[in-house]
Each structure stands twice: as structure tokens, then as C-alpha cells.
C-alpha atoms as a PDB file:
ATOM      1  CA  MET A   1    -210.999  39.667  -8.740  1.00  0.00           C
ATOM      2  CA  MET A   2    -214.039  39.151  -7.247  1.00  0.00           C
ATOM      3  CA  ASN A   3    -216.122  42.669  -6.581  1.00  0.00           C
ATOM      4  CA  LYS A   4    -218.639  43.334  -3.776  1.00  0.00           C
ATOM      5  CA  GLU A   5    -221.600  41.732  -5.625  1.00  0.00           C
ATOM      6  CA  GLU A   6    -219.770  38.366  -6.153  1.00  0.00           C
ATOM      7  CA  ILE A   7    -218.256  38.570  -2.611  1.00  0.00           C
ATOM      8  CA  LYS A   8    -221.781  38.876  -1.220  1.00  0.00           C
ATOM      9  CA  GLN A   9    -222.666  35.568  -2.705  1.00  0.00           C
ATOM     10  CA  ILE A  10    -220.431  34.098  -0.087  1.00  0.00           C
ATOM     11  CA  LEU A  11    -220.805  36.102   2.758  1.00  0.00           C
ATOM     12  CA  PRO A  12    -224.146  37.121   4.496  1.00  0.00           C
ATOM     13  CA  HIS A  13    -222.854  40.276   5.475  1.00  0.00           C
ATOM     14  CA  ARG A  14    -224.256  43.400   4.086  1.00  0.00           C
ATOM     15  CA  GLU A  15    -223.431  46.911   4.483  1.00  0.00           C
ATOM     16  CA  PRO A  16    -222.527  48.672   6.605  1.00  0.00           C
ATOM     17  CA  MET A  17    -221.093  45.325   8.092  1.00  0.00           C
ATOM     18  CA  LEU A  18    -219.574  44.226   4.526  1.00  0.00           C
ATOM     19  CA  LEU A  19    -215.915  45.165   5.231  1.00  0.00           C
ATOM     20  CA  VAL A  20    -214.201  44.138   1.904  1.00  0.00           C
ATOM     21  CA  ASP A  21    -214.248  45.898  -1.318  1.00  0.00           C
ATOM     22  CA  GLU A  22    -212.696  43.203  -3.366  1.00  0.00           C
ATOM     23  CA  VAL A  23    -210.654  39.821  -3.333  1.00  0.00           C
ATOM     24  CA  GLU A  24    -208.638  37.795  -5.416  1.00  0.00           C
ATOM     25  CA  LYS A  25    -207.920  34.119  -5.389  1.00  0.00           C
ATOM     26  CA  VAL A  26    -204.249  34.008  -6.092  1.00  0.00           C
ATOM     27  CA  GLU A  27    -203.714  30.072  -5.897  1.00  0.00           C
ATOM     28  CA  GLU A  28    -206.229  27.144  -4.447  1.00  0.00           C
ATOM     29  CA  ASN A  29    -205.765  28.180  -0.561  1.00  0.00           C
ATOM     30  CA  LYS A  30    -204.374  31.951  -0.562  1.00  0.00           C
ATOM     31  CA  ALA A  31    -206.493  35.101  -1.452  1.00  0.00           C
ATOM     32  CA  ILE A  32    -205.452  38.698  -1.407  1.00  0.00           C
ATOM     33  CA  GLY A  33    -208.541  41.321  -0.206  1.00  0.00           C
ATOM     34  CA  LYS A  34    -208.600  44.767   0.211  1.00  0.00           C
ATOM     35  CA  TYR A  35    -210.690  47.534   1.740  1.00  0.00           C
ATOM     36  CA  LYS A  36    -210.164  51.223   1.489  1.00  0.00           C
ATOM     37  CA  VAL A  37    -210.876  53.319   4.844  1.00  0.00           C
ATOM     38  CA  ARG A  38    -212.908  56.206   3.612  1.00  0.00           C
ATOM     39  CA  GLY A  39    -213.310  57.893   6.698  1.00  0.00           C
ATOM     40  CA  ASP A  40    -217.284  58.088   7.118  1.00  0.00           C
ATOM     41  CA  GLU A  41    -217.713  54.484   8.317  1.00  0.00           C
ATOM     42  CA  TRP A  42    -219.554  53.899  11.338  1.00  0.00           C
ATOM     43  CA  PHE A  43    -216.874  52.213  13.399  1.00  0.00           C
ATOM     44  CA  LEU A  44    -214.977  55.716  13.261  1.00  0.00           C
ATOM     45  CA  GLN A  45    -217.790  57.563  14.742  1.00  0.00           C
ATOM     46  CA  GLY A  46    -216.430  57.644  18.106  1.00  0.00           C
ATOM     47  CA  HIS A  47    -213.119  56.065  17.749  1.00  0.00           C
ATOM     48  CA  PHE A  48    -212.052  58.273  18.557  1.00  0.00           C
ATOM     49  CA  PRO A  49    -213.463  61.499  17.684  1.00  0.00           C
ATOM     50  CA  GLY A  50    -210.816  64.013  16.431  1.00  0.00           C
ATOM     51  CA  ASN A  51    -208.159  61.173  15.981  1.00  0.00           C
ATOM     52  CA  PRO A  52    -209.709  58.359  14.150  1.00  0.00           C
ATOM     53  CA  VAL A  53    -208.380  55.122  14.235  1.00  0.00           C
ATOM     54  CA  VAL A  54    -210.039  51.474  12.727  1.00  0.00           C
ATOM     55  CA  PRO A  55    -210.954  49.512  15.987  1.00  0.00           C
ATOM     56  CA  GLY A  56    -208.758  46.219  16.086  1.00  0.00           C
ATOM     57  CA  VAL A  57    -211.725  44.032  16.210  1.00  0.00           C
ATOM     58  CA  VAL A  58    -213.227  45.890  13.106  1.00  0.00           C
ATOM     59  CA  LEU A  59    -209.391  44.744  11.586  1.00  0.00           C
ATOM     60  CA  CYS A  60    -210.285  41.341  12.364  1.00  0.00           C
ATOM     61  CA  GLU A  61    -213.483  41.173  10.986  1.00  0.00           C
ATOM     62  CA  MET A  62    -212.017  42.772   7.702  1.00  0.00           C
ATOM     63  CA  MET A  63    -209.424  39.619   7.605  1.00  0.00           C
ATOM     64  CA  ALA A  64    -211.870  37.241   8.459  1.00  0.00           C
ATOM     65  CA  GLN A  65    -214.320  38.337   5.680  1.00  0.00           C
ATOM     66  CA  ALA A  66    -211.269  38.418   3.213  1.00  0.00           C
ATOM     67  CA  CYS A  67    -210.609  34.618   4.529  1.00  0.00           C
ATOM     68  CA  CYS A  68    -214.012  33.251   3.854  1.00  0.00           C
ATOM     69  CA  VAL A  69    -213.787  33.880   0.272  1.00  0.00           C
ATOM     70  CA  LEU A  70    -211.601  30.657   0.577  1.00  0.00           C
ATOM     71  CA  LEU A  71    -214.750  28.611   1.258  1.00  0.00           C
ATOM     72  CA  ALA A  72    -216.419  29.710  -1.693  1.00  0.00           C
ATOM     73  CA  ASP A  73    -216.345  26.046  -3.364  1.00  0.00           C
ATOM     74  CA  ARG A  74    -217.289  24.601   0.071  1.00  0.00           C
ATOM     75  CA  ALA A  75    -219.916  26.918   1.367  1.00  0.00           C
ATOM     76  CA  GLU A  76    -222.485  26.429  -1.182  1.00  0.00           C
ATOM     77  CA  LYS A  77    -225.898  26.431   0.843  1.00  0.00           C
ATOM     78  CA  ALA A  78    -223.813  27.021   4.081  1.00  0.00           C
ATOM     79  CA  THR A  79    -222.793  30.006   5.954  1.00  0.00           C
ATOM     80  CA  PRO A  80    -219.480  30.559   7.600  1.00  0.00           C
ATOM     81  CA  TYR A  81    -219.239  31.580  10.992  1.00  0.00           C
ATOM     82  CA  PHE A  82    -216.351  32.519  13.204  1.00  0.00           C
ATOM     83  CA  THR A  83    -215.278  29.960  15.806  1.00  0.00           C
ATOM     84  CA  SER A  84    -211.980  31.221  16.839  1.00  0.00           C
ATOM     85  CA  LEU A  85    -209.624  34.130  16.654  1.00  0.00           C
ATOM     86  CA  ASN A  86    -206.127  33.459  18.112  1.00  0.00           C
ATOM     87  CA  ASN A  87    -202.598  34.757  18.057  1.00  0.00           C
ATOM     88  CA  VAL A  88    -203.572  38.454  17.261  1.00  0.00           C
ATOM     89  CA  LYS A  89    -201.094  40.928  16.779  1.00  0.00           C
ATOM     90  CA  PHE A  90    -201.731  44.670  16.181  1.00  0.00           C
ATOM     91  CA  LYS A  91    -198.510  46.454  15.220  1.00  0.00           C
ATOM     92  CA  ASP A  92    -199.769  49.854  13.623  1.00  0.00           C
ATOM     93  CA  LYS A  93    -203.046  51.624  13.465  1.00  0.00           C
ATOM     94  CA  VAL A  94    -205.076  51.931  10.204  1.00  0.00           C
ATOM     95  CA  LEU A  95    -206.351  55.417   9.548  1.00  0.00           C
ATOM     96  CA  PRO A  96    -208.829  56.931   7.040  1.00  0.00           C
ATOM     97  CA  GLY A  97    -207.298  56.959   3.775  1.00  0.00           C
ATOM     98  CA  ASP A  98    -205.500  53.678   4.150  1.00  0.00           C
ATOM     99  CA  GLU A  99    -206.152  50.754   2.023  1.00  0.00           C
ATOM    100  CA  LEU A 100    -205.872  47.326   3.889  1.00  0.00           C
ATOM    101  CA  VAL A 101    -204.601  44.594   1.840  1.00  0.00           C
ATOM    102  CA  THR A 102    -205.080  41.412   3.374  1.00  0.00           C
ATOM    103  CA  GLU A 103    -203.483  38.279   2.306  1.00  0.00           C
ATOM    104  CA  CYS A 104    -205.278  35.043   3.352  1.00  0.00           C
ATOM    105  CA  GLU A 105    -204.111  31.538   3.652  1.00  0.00           C
ATOM    106  CA  LEU A 106    -206.434  28.362   4.308  1.00  0.00           C
ATOM    107  CA  VAL A 107    -203.715  26.405   6.414  1.00  0.00           C
ATOM    108  CA  LYS A 108    -206.040  23.396   7.749  1.00  0.00           C
ATOM    109  CA  SER A 109    -209.507  21.986   7.214  1.00  0.00           C
ATOM    110  CA  ARG A 110    -211.485  19.078   8.957  1.00  0.00           C
ATOM    111  CA  HIS A 111    -215.119  19.873   8.022  1.00  0.00           C
ATOM    112  CA  PRO A 112    -217.248  21.865   8.917  1.00  0.00           C
ATOM    113  CA  PHE A 113    -214.097  23.500  10.536  1.00  0.00           C
ATOM    114  CA  TYR A 114    -211.649  25.517   8.569  1.00  0.00           C
ATOM    115  CA  PHE A 115    -208.900  27.282   9.637  1.00  0.00           C
ATOM    116  CA  ALA A 116    -206.781  30.117   8.246  1.00  0.00           C
ATOM    117  CA  ALA A 117    -204.156  32.767   8.875  1.00  0.00           C
ATOM    118  CA  ALA A 118    -204.167  36.266   7.675  1.00  0.00           C
ATOM    119  CA  LYS A 119    -201.801  39.638   7.534  1.00  0.00           C
ATOM    120  CA  GLY A 120    -203.189  42.970   7.190  1.00  0.00           C
ATOM    121  CA  LYS A 121    -200.858  45.442   5.630  1.00  0.00           C
ATOM    122  CA  VAL A 122    -200.855  48.970   4.735  1.00  0.00           C
ATOM    123  CA  ASN A 123    -198.064  50.267   1.788  1.00  0.00           C
ATOM    124  CA  GLY A 124    -196.487  46.456   2.116  1.00  0.00           C
ATOM    125  CA  LYS A 125    -196.143  46.833   6.216  1.00  0.00           C
ATOM    126  CA  VAL A 126    -197.891  44.602   8.341  1.00  0.00           C
ATOM    127  CA  HIS A 127    -200.368  46.460  10.780  1.00  0.00           C
ATOM    128  CA  VAL A 128    -202.454  43.405  11.711  1.00  0.00           C
ATOM    129  CA  SER A 129    -202.029  39.376  12.108  1.00  0.00           C
ATOM    130  CA  ALA A 130    -204.140  36.784  13.143  1.00  0.00           C
ATOM    131  CA  GLU A 131    -205.094  33.156  13.135  1.00  0.00           C
ATOM    132  CA  PHE A 132    -208.850  32.162  12.176  1.00  0.00           C
ATOM    133  CA  SER A 133    -211.443  29.423  12.495  1.00  0.00           C
ATOM    134  CA  PHE A 134    -214.883  28.705  10.961  1.00  0.00           C
ATOM    135  CA  ALA A 135    -217.499  26.525  10.885  1.00  0.00           C
ATOM    136  CA  LEU A 136    -219.504  26.071   7.851  1.00  0.00           C
ATOM    137  CA  ILE A 137    -223.341  25.536   8.941  1.00  0.00           C
ATOM    138  CA  SER A 138    -226.131  25.110   6.905  1.00  0.00           C
END
């Protein structure tokens, strides 16, 4: 299990934009990321007052950051940049107190491009899914 400090060795993100608490690489091309929504995050302040809901674009960022851990052994001295986001589906809202568990899979690569798929779950139920591509740029 990688903690935030270990994740920072792969991702260039820092608080408040680091949106993954821990990630476990479970197989060569699969990982599971976790983020606990505390309720005091910057993205909840105006989305929506009195009824906070994690914005869809933030859910995609959470999943993308978890996916990038799969590039760790390839990303030495390179930064993973988002290059596409496809087939995004929002099935349920994510709220303060929820833990988003992201199941990631690296599905294809053609250096410097890497393609992944992810599902974001809360209590075992899929709330969001998407396909991503990244480029590793030195």
C-alpha cells in the first residue's frame, strides 16, 4: 500500500490538488486507490451550499491520479499528463463521509501513451466509471 508521501514520488500533485490518499498495486496492470471525502475540501465549498456533492470532474481527477500509480515504473524522470477522457458515466453522487474506492486497470500502451480504465465505487457500488489516456513527458 502506497501512502501520500510515496504517491508524491510519482505524481506532481500537491495539496489541495492531491486527491488520492493511498493506492495498492494489486497486479502488474491493476491498482486500487482510495480517497475519503472529509467534507471540508475546497471543491465542496460552492458545490452545492447546504447540499455538498463531489463534482464529476473531481471524481475523474481522483480516478486518474489513482491510475497514474500504474505508470510508476515507467514514469522515472517523466510526468504523466492527461491526454483524453472517454466514456465517462456518472451513476450516483459522492458525498462527504464517503470513501471513493477506485479500481484501475492499464489496458494498453504505445509509448509515450498509456490507456487505462477505472471504476469509482462507494460501499461496493459503482458511482462513476471512465477511460483515460496519459502521456509520459520528460
